[in-house]
PDB file of N, CA and C in Angstrom:
ATOM      1  N   UNK A   1       0.819  -1.197   0.000  1.00  0.00           N
ATOM      2  CA  UNK A   1       0.000   0.000   0.000  1.00  0.00           C
ATOM      3  C   UNK A   1       0.865   1.264   0.000  1.00  0.00           C
ATOM      4  N   UNK A   2       2.162   1.150   0.289  1.00  0.00           N
ATOM      5  CA  UNK A   2       3.040   2.310   0.311  1.00  0.00           C
ATOM      6  C   UNK A   2       2.954   3.122   1.586  1.00  0.00           C
ATOM      7  N   UNK A   3       2.159   2.690   2.536  1.00  0.00           N
ATOM      8  CA  UNK A   3       2.005   3.427   3.796  1.00  0.00           C
ATOM      9  C   UNK A   3       3.130   3.085   4.754  1.00  0.00           C
ATOM     10  N   UNK A   4       3.509   4.061   5.542  1.00  0.00           N
ATOM     11  CA  UNK A   4       4.535   3.877   6.562  1.00  0.00           C
ATOM     12  C   UNK A   4       3.850   3.850   7.918  1.00  0.00           C
ATOM     13  N   UNK A   5       4.183   2.849   8.738  1.00  0.00           N
ATOM     14  CA  UNK A   5       3.616   2.736  10.082  1.00  0.00           C
ATOM     15  C   UNK A   5       4.366   3.692  11.007  1.00  0.00           C
ATOM     16  N   UNK A   6       3.831   4.893  11.205  1.00  0.00           N
ATOM     17  CA  UNK A   6       4.495   5.901  12.030  1.00  0.00           C
ATOM     18  C   UNK A   6       4.478   5.545  13.513  1.00  0.00           C
ATOM     19  N   UNK A   7       3.470   4.790  13.958  1.00  0.00           N
ATOM     20  CA  UNK A   7       3.404   4.408  15.367  1.00  0.00           C
ATOM     21  C   UNK A   7       4.642   3.631  15.792  1.00  0.00           C
ATOM     22  N   UNK A   8       5.208   2.849  14.893  1.00  0.00           N
ATOM     23  CA  UNK A   8       6.390   2.062  15.244  1.00  0.00           C
ATOM     24  C   UNK A   8       7.628   2.936  15.405  1.00  0.00           C
ATOM     25  N   UNK A   9       7.580   4.171  14.936  1.00  0.00           N
ATOM     26  CA  UNK A   9       8.720   5.083  15.058  1.00  0.00           C
ATOM     27  C   UNK A   9       8.716   5.861  16.368  1.00  0.00           C
ATOM     28  N   UNK A  10       7.598   5.869  17.075  1.00  0.00           N
ATOM     29  CA  UNK A  10       7.497   6.581  18.350  1.00  0.00           C
ATOM     30  C   UNK A  10       8.072   5.686  19.435  1.00  0.00           C
ATOM     31  N   UNK A  11       9.153   6.149  20.068  1.00  0.00           N
ATOM     32  CA  UNK A  11       9.807   5.343  21.095  1.00  0.00           C
ATOM     33  C   UNK A  11       9.502   5.835  22.501  1.00  0.00           C
ATOM     34  N   UNK A  12       8.740   6.910  22.629  1.00  0.00           N
ATOM     35  CA  UNK A  12       8.353   7.406  23.944  1.00  0.00           C
ATOM     36  C   UNK A  12       7.177   8.350  23.845  1.00  0.00           C
ATOM     37  N   UNK A  13       6.281   8.270  24.832  1.00  0.00           N
ATOM     38  CA  UNK A  13       5.123   9.169  24.907  1.00  0.00           C
ATOM     39  C   UNK A  13       5.119   9.785  26.300  1.00  0.00           C
ATOM     40  N   UNK A  14       5.028  11.107  26.350  1.00  0.00           N
ATOM     41  CA  UNK A  14       5.152  11.833  27.607  1.00  0.00           C
ATOM     42  C   UNK A  14       4.026  12.844  27.759  1.00  0.00           C
ATOM     43  N   UNK A  15       3.540  13.038  29.001  1.00  0.00           N
ATOM     44  CA  UNK A  15       2.574  14.116  29.234  1.00  0.00           C
ATOM     45  C   UNK A  15       3.295  15.460  29.166  1.00  0.00           C
ATOM     46  N   UNK A  16       2.552  16.531  29.010  1.00  0.00           N
ATOM     47  CA  UNK A  16       3.127  17.865  28.879  1.00  0.00           C
ATOM     48  C   UNK A  16       4.027  18.209  30.063  1.00  0.00           C
ATOM     49  N   UNK A  17       3.670  17.748  31.246  1.00  0.00           N
ATOM     50  CA  UNK A  17       4.467  18.033  32.441  1.00  0.00           C
ATOM     51  C   UNK A  17       5.875  17.441  32.353  1.00  0.00           C
ATOM     52  N   UNK A  18       6.087  16.468  31.479  1.00  0.00           N
ATOM     53  CA  UNK A  18       7.393  15.823  31.323  1.00  0.00           C
ATOM     54  C   UNK A  18       8.034  16.153  29.975  1.00  0.00           C
ATOM     55  N   UNK A  19       7.695  17.319  29.410  1.00  0.00           N
ATOM     56  CA  UNK A  19       8.204  17.708  28.092  1.00  0.00           C
ATOM     57  C   UNK A  19       9.726  17.774  28.066  1.00  0.00           C
ATOM     58  N   UNK A  20      10.335  18.289  29.122  1.00  0.00           N
ATOM     59  CA  UNK A  20      11.804  18.373  29.154  1.00  0.00           C
ATOM     60  C   UNK A  20      12.424  16.978  29.099  1.00  0.00           C
ATOM     61  N   UNK A  21      11.856  16.040  29.841  1.00  0.00           N
ATOM     62  CA  UNK A  21      12.340  14.661  29.818  1.00  0.00           C
ATOM     63  C   UNK A  21      12.183  14.068  28.416  1.00  0.00           C
ATOM     64  N   UNK A  22      11.088  14.372  27.746  1.00  0.00           N
ATOM     65  CA  UNK A  22      10.859  13.869  26.388  1.00  0.00           C
ATOM     66  C   UNK A  22      11.914  14.397  25.428  1.00  0.00           C
ATOM     67  N   UNK A  23      12.253  15.677  25.543  1.00  0.00           N
ATOM     68  CA  UNK A  23      13.264  16.263  24.662  1.00  0.00           C
ATOM     69  C   UNK A  23      14.633  15.645  24.909  1.00  0.00           C
ATOM     70  N   UNK A  24      14.947  15.358  26.158  1.00  0.00           N
ATOM     71  CA  UNK A  24      16.223  14.714  26.476  1.00  0.00           C
ATOM     72  C   UNK A  24      16.244  13.266  26.007  1.00  0.00           C
ATOM     73  N   UNK A  25      15.142  12.562  26.151  1.00  0.00           N
ATOM     74  CA  UNK A  25      15.071  11.159  25.734  1.00  0.00           C
ATOM     75  C   UNK A  25      15.231  11.040  24.224  1.00  0.00           C
ATOM     76  N   UNK A  26      14.785  12.045  23.513  1.00  0.00           N
ATOM     77  CA  UNK A  26      14.863  12.024  22.050  1.00  0.00           C
ATOM     78  C   UNK A  26      16.308  12.044  21.553  1.00  0.00           C
ATOM     79  N   UNK A  27      17.221  12.437  22.405  1.00  0.00           N
ATOM     80  CA  UNK A  27      18.644  12.489  22.041  1.00  0.00           C
ATOM     81  C   UNK A  27      19.390  11.201  22.382  1.00  0.00           C
ATOM     82  N   UNK A  28      18.730  10.274  23.043  1.00  0.00           N
ATOM     83  CA  UNK A  28      19.379   9.042  23.484  1.00  0.00           C
ATOM     84  C   UNK A  28      19.555   8.077  22.310  1.00  0.00           C
ATOM     85  N   UNK A  29      20.634   7.282  22.339  1.00  0.00           N
ATOM     86  CA  UNK A  29      20.826   6.274  21.282  1.00  0.00           C
ATOM     87  C   UNK A  29      19.633   5.312  21.236  1.00  0.00           C
ATOM     88  N   UNK A  30      19.183   5.001  20.073  1.00  0.00           N
ATOM     89  CA  UNK A  30      18.062   4.083  19.909  1.00  0.00           C
ATOM     90  C   UNK A  30      16.704   4.760  19.921  1.00  0.00           C
ATOM     91  N   UNK A  31      16.674   6.032  20.292  1.00  0.00           N
ATOM     92  CA  UNK A  31      15.416   6.769  20.305  1.00  0.00           C
ATOM     93  C   UNK A  31      15.156   7.344  18.923  1.00  0.00           C
ATOM     94  N   UNK A  32      13.963   7.133  18.419  1.00  0.00           N
ATOM     95  CA  UNK A  32      13.604   7.687  17.113  1.00  0.00           C
ATOM     96  C   UNK A  32      12.814   8.977  17.267  1.00  0.00           C
ATOM     97  N   UNK A  33      11.719   8.917  18.030  1.00  0.00           N
ATOM     98  CA  UNK A  33      10.874  10.092  18.181  1.00  0.00           C
ATOM     99  C   UNK A  33      10.108   9.998  19.490  1.00  0.00           C
ATOM    100  N   UNK A  34      10.154  11.081  20.268  1.00  0.00           N
ATOM    101  CA  UNK A  34       9.365  11.189  21.490  1.00  0.00           C
ATOM    102  C   UNK A  34       8.163  12.075  21.196  1.00  0.00           C
ATOM    103  N   UNK A  35       7.022  11.727  21.748  1.00  0.00           N
ATOM    104  CA  UNK A  35       5.792  12.482  21.545  1.00  0.00           C
ATOM    105  C   UNK A  35       5.367  13.077  22.878  1.00  0.00           C
ATOM    106  N   UNK A  36       5.070  14.379  22.876  1.00  0.00           N
ATOM    107  CA  UNK A  36       4.545  15.050  24.066  1.00  0.00           C
ATOM    108  C   UNK A  36       3.045  15.205  23.864  1.00  0.00           C
ATOM    109  N   UNK A  37       2.298  14.641  24.798  1.00  0.00           N
ATOM    110  CA  UNK A  37       0.834  14.717  24.725  1.00  0.00           C
ATOM    111  C   UNK A  37       0.374  15.967  25.465  1.00  0.00           C
ATOM    112  N   UNK A  38      -0.322  16.852  24.769  1.00  0.00           N
ATOM    113  CA  UNK A  38      -0.820  18.073  25.398  1.00  0.00           C
ATOM    114  C   UNK A  38      -2.041  17.756  26.244  1.00  0.00           C
ATOM    115  N   UNK A  39      -2.879  16.856  25.785  1.00  0.00           N
ATOM    116  CA  UNK A  39      -4.061  16.446  26.535  1.00  0.00           C
ATOM    117  C   UNK A  39      -3.944  14.978  26.872  1.00  0.00           C
ATOM    118  N   UNK A  40      -4.323  14.641  28.082  1.00  0.00           N
ATOM    119  CA  UNK A  40      -4.299  13.240  28.526  1.00  0.00           C
ATOM    120  C   UNK A  40      -5.673  12.647  28.417  1.00  0.00           C
TER     121      UNK A  40
END
């Protein structure tokens, strides 16, 4: 189908209160993409 499964690229999901931790985790080896959730 040519579609890319983007969910498999997210290696971390963080609430807004942990945005700084998400940004730091995104720099770690093996991390592809961290997502910050604005609403829980």
